[in-house]
Amino acid sequence: MRPATIIESNGKTYPFSFGMAALARFCESEGLTLDGLNQLGENMSPMLALALVHAGLVDGARREGKVYEGTMEDVGDILDDDPDFLEKCMDVVNNSMPQGKPGNAKAANRKGSR
């Protein structure tokens, strides 16, 4: 298991990870599908941003053998105090996503449905 990325903010450190567990938790809590994730960057609401960061903090703590007990409001406070925190988290999220070739999932689905 990969360790979490440690993000520093205002003298504190936060383990952050956005692997499959965080992705699944985020999608489930927000009623999103994998297809819906493609449009998030263009249309992300503030609440979705909070939920995404929260899922990453929960998963990051889990990977470090800890429990993140912060609420969505706590995440909002972190972002209020450090506007760059969201960008740091999004960098981790973007680097965590598989970089496959476009169309391969559809091709695999067609092969599997025969």
Protein backbone atom coordinates (compact mmCIF):
# COMPACT_ATOMS: atom_id res chain seq x y z
CA MET A 1 0.00 0.00 0.00
CA ARG A 2 1.30 3.41 -0.97
CA PRO A 3 1.79 5.85 1.88
CA ALA A 4 -0.27 9.01 2.00
CA THR A 5 1.07 12.29 0.68
CA ILE A 6 1.76 14.67 3.55
CA ILE A 7 0.38 18.15 2.88
CA GLU A 8 1.56 20.99 5.09
CA SER A 9 -0.71 23.88 5.95
CA ASN A 10 -0.25 26.61 8.54
CA GLY A 11 2.23 24.60 10.62
CA LYS A 12 0.16 21.40 10.57
CA THR A 13 0.56 18.27 8.46
CA TYR A 14 -2.28 16.33 6.90
CA PRO A 15 -1.92 12.88 5.33
CA PHE A 16 -3.88 12.88 2.08
CA SER A 17 -4.60 10.04 -0.33
CA PHE A 18 -7.03 9.62 -3.16
CA GLY A 19 -6.87 5.97 -4.10
CA MET A 20 -9.77 3.69 -4.95
CA ALA A 21 -11.14 3.70 -1.38
CA ALA A 22 -11.34 7.50 -1.32
CA LEU A 23 -12.74 7.60 -4.84
CA ALA A 24 -15.45 5.07 -3.94
CA ARG A 25 -16.32 6.90 -0.70
CA PHE A 26 -16.52 10.23 -2.52
CA CYS A 27 -18.64 8.90 -5.39
CA GLU A 28 -20.99 7.08 -3.02
CA SER A 29 -21.47 10.07 -0.72
CA GLU A 30 -22.11 12.44 -3.62
CA GLY A 31 -24.17 10.13 -5.85
CA LEU A 32 -21.60 10.25 -8.65
CA THR A 33 -20.53 7.64 -11.16
CA LEU A 34 -17.09 7.22 -12.68
CA ASP A 35 -18.41 8.80 -15.89
CA GLY A 36 -19.56 11.84 -13.91
CA LEU A 37 -16.06 12.44 -12.58
CA ASN A 38 -14.88 13.66 -15.99
CA GLN A 39 -16.88 16.85 -15.63
CA LEU A 40 -15.98 17.64 -12.03
CA GLY A 41 -13.09 19.97 -12.76
CA GLU A 42 -15.31 22.18 -14.89
CA ASN A 43 -18.38 22.19 -12.64
CA MET A 44 -17.23 21.47 -9.09
CA SER A 45 -19.40 23.12 -6.47
CA PRO A 46 -17.91 24.25 -3.16
CA MET A 47 -19.67 21.37 -1.38
CA LEU A 48 -18.19 18.83 -3.81
CA ALA A 49 -14.74 20.32 -3.23
CA LEU A 50 -15.20 19.92 0.54
CA ALA A 51 -16.40 16.33 0.11
CA LEU A 52 -13.48 15.46 -2.16
CA VAL A 53 -10.90 16.87 0.26
CA HIS A 54 -12.64 15.21 3.21
CA ALA A 55 -12.56 11.81 1.47
CA GLY A 56 -8.84 12.27 0.76
CA LEU A 57 -8.10 13.22 4.37
CA VAL A 58 -10.03 10.21 5.68
CA ASP A 59 -8.17 7.88 3.31
CA GLY A 60 -4.82 9.52 4.00
CA ALA A 61 -5.25 9.05 7.74
CA ARG A 62 -6.28 5.42 7.19
CA ARG A 63 -3.12 4.77 5.17
CA GLU A 64 -1.08 6.20 8.03
CA GLY A 65 -2.84 4.00 10.60
CA LYS A 66 -4.79 6.91 12.04
CA VAL A 67 -8.37 8.16 12.02
CA TYR A 68 -9.34 11.54 10.61
CA GLU A 69 -12.14 12.82 12.79
CA GLY A 70 -12.59 16.20 11.13
CA THR A 71 -15.95 17.22 9.72
CA MET A 72 -16.77 18.88 6.41
CA GLU A 73 -16.87 22.16 8.34
CA ASP A 74 -13.35 21.48 9.62
CA VAL A 75 -12.23 20.99 6.02
CA GLY A 76 -13.86 24.31 5.17
CA ASP A 77 -11.87 25.96 7.96
CA ILE A 78 -8.62 24.50 6.61
CA LEU A 79 -9.44 25.86 3.16
CA ASP A 80 -10.40 29.26 4.61
CA ASP A 81 -7.06 29.46 6.41
CA ASP A 82 -5.02 28.18 3.44
CA PRO A 83 -6.56 28.78 0.00
CA ASP A 84 -3.68 26.80 -1.59
CA PHE A 85 -4.68 23.66 0.32
CA LEU A 86 -7.34 22.77 -2.26
CA GLU A 87 -4.82 23.06 -5.09
CA LYS A 88 -2.36 20.83 -3.21
CA CYS A 89 -5.08 18.23 -2.70
CA MET A 90 -6.19 18.42 -6.32
CA ASP A 91 -2.59 17.81 -7.43
CA VAL A 92 -2.63 14.55 -5.45
CA VAL A 93 -6.06 13.63 -6.85
CA ASN A 94 -4.95 14.28 -10.43
CA ASN A 95 -1.75 12.28 -9.97
CA SER A 96 -3.74 9.40 -8.46
CA MET A 97 -6.01 8.93 -11.45
CA PRO A 98 -4.99 6.23 -13.92
CA GLN A 99 -3.56 7.59 -17.15
CA GLY A 100 -5.06 5.06 -19.56
CA LYS A 101 -5.68 5.55 -23.24
CA PRO A 102 -9.08 7.04 -24.10
CA GLY A 103 -11.61 4.51 -25.25
CA ASN A 104 -10.02 1.45 -23.67
CA ALA A 105 -12.76 1.04 -21.06
CA LYS A 106 -15.44 1.08 -23.74
CA ALA A 107 -13.51 -1.41 -25.84
CA ALA A 108 -13.06 -3.69 -22.83
CA ASN A 109 -16.79 -3.48 -22.07
CA ARG A 110 -17.67 -4.46 -25.62
CA LYS A 111 -15.32 -7.45 -25.47
CA GLY A 112 -16.71 -8.52 -22.10
CA SER A 113 -20.33 -8.32 -23.26
CA ARG A 114 -19.96 -10.81 -26.11
